[in-house]
Amino acid sequence: MVLFFLRVPWPGTAMEVGWSRFLRRAGSANLMLVTLLIPPVTIALSYTFLGERVEQEALYGLGLIALGLGVTDGRVLDLMSKRYRQFKNAI
């Protein structure tokens, strides 16, 4: 059974077609956001199902990923710029 799936090229082809359609539909920035979610999901699943410990370096990495998601998404920067404009106009 395993040899059957190793010889059949359709899983890789299906993944490539799905990735390409998602890229066309969502855009490259959103595709990168999804790609950045792979490590946190992996850490959460390994902690939940395998009982692995979450090291401090992993938490630092999750923080950097969260920062990257916020910057790439743009909502955090928009919120900061709105607050800065409100502060500047109040003076």
Protein backbone atom coordinates (compact mmCIF):
# COMPACT_ATOMS: atom_id res chain seq x y z
CA MET A 1 0.00 0.00 0.00
CA VAL A 2 2.78 2.44 0.88
CA LEU A 3 4.59 1.67 -2.36
CA PHE A 4 1.43 2.55 -4.27
CA PHE A 5 1.34 6.06 -2.82
CA LEU A 6 5.06 6.54 -3.35
CA ARG A 7 4.73 5.76 -7.05
CA VAL A 8 1.62 7.81 -7.77
CA PRO A 9 2.45 11.43 -8.60
CA TRP A 10 -1.04 12.80 -7.87
CA PRO A 11 -0.55 13.90 -4.23
CA GLY A 12 2.25 16.28 -5.22
CA THR A 13 0.37 17.40 -8.29
CA ALA A 14 -2.78 18.06 -6.31
CA MET A 15 -0.80 20.07 -3.77
CA GLU A 16 0.85 22.13 -6.50
CA VAL A 17 -2.47 22.84 -8.20
CA GLY A 18 -4.07 23.82 -4.89
CA TRP A 19 -1.13 26.06 -3.99
CA SER A 20 -1.24 27.77 -7.39
CA ARG A 21 -4.98 28.37 -7.18
CA PHE A 22 -4.66 29.77 -3.67
CA LEU A 23 -1.83 32.04 -4.86
CA ARG A 24 -3.93 33.41 -7.70
CA ARG A 25 -6.96 33.84 -5.51
CA ALA A 26 -5.48 35.23 -2.30
CA GLY A 27 -2.28 36.89 -3.45
CA SER A 28 1.33 36.42 -2.45
CA ALA A 29 1.16 38.35 0.84
CA ASN A 30 -1.71 36.23 2.16
CA LEU A 31 0.06 33.09 0.98
CA MET A 32 3.10 34.13 3.02
CA LEU A 33 0.87 34.67 6.06
CA VAL A 34 -0.37 31.10 5.75
CA THR A 35 3.21 29.86 5.37
CA LEU A 36 4.21 31.68 8.56
CA LEU A 37 1.52 29.78 10.48
CA ILE A 38 3.13 26.38 9.87
CA PRO A 39 5.64 26.51 12.82
CA PRO A 40 3.12 27.63 15.48
CA VAL A 41 0.63 24.97 14.39
CA THR A 42 3.37 22.34 14.45
CA ILE A 43 4.45 23.37 17.96
CA ALA A 44 0.85 23.33 19.20
CA LEU A 45 0.15 19.90 17.72
CA SER A 46 3.36 18.38 19.05
CA TYR A 47 2.65 19.80 22.52
CA THR A 48 -0.95 18.58 22.46
CA PHE A 49 -0.61 15.14 20.95
CA LEU A 50 3.00 14.13 21.53
CA GLY A 51 3.49 15.73 24.92
CA GLU A 52 6.63 17.59 23.85
CA ARG A 53 7.86 20.50 25.92
CA VAL A 54 7.80 23.97 24.45
CA GLU A 55 11.26 25.43 24.84
CA GLN A 56 11.94 29.10 25.50
CA GLU A 57 13.53 29.53 22.06
CA ALA A 58 10.31 28.29 20.48
CA LEU A 59 8.37 30.97 22.36
CA TYR A 60 10.80 33.62 21.12
CA GLY A 61 10.30 32.31 17.61
CA LEU A 62 6.54 32.44 18.02
CA GLY A 63 6.87 36.07 19.07
CA LEU A 64 8.91 36.88 15.99
CA ILE A 65 6.38 35.09 13.81
CA ALA A 66 3.55 37.07 15.44
CA LEU A 67 5.46 40.28 14.77
CA GLY A 68 6.02 39.24 11.15
CA LEU A 69 2.34 38.41 10.74
CA GLY A 70 1.36 41.77 12.16
CA VAL A 71 3.72 43.72 9.94
CA THR A 72 2.87 41.78 6.80
CA ASP A 73 -0.87 41.98 7.41
CA GLY A 74 -0.61 45.73 7.96
CA ARG A 75 -3.36 46.06 10.56
CA VAL A 76 -0.93 46.69 13.41
CA LEU A 77 0.84 49.44 11.50
CA ASP A 78 -2.49 51.00 10.49
CA LEU A 79 -3.64 51.00 14.12
CA MET A 80 -0.35 52.55 15.25
CA SER A 81 -0.48 55.23 12.55
CA LYS A 82 -4.10 56.11 13.43
CA ARG A 83 -3.21 56.49 17.09
CA TYR A 84 -0.19 58.61 16.15
CA ARG A 85 -2.37 60.89 14.00
CA GLN A 86 -4.91 61.20 16.84
CA PHE A 87 -2.13 62.05 19.28
CA LYS A 88 -0.59 64.54 16.86
CA ASN A 89 -3.94 66.24 16.20
CA ALA A 90 -4.68 66.47 19.94
CA ILE A 91 -1.54 68.51 20.57
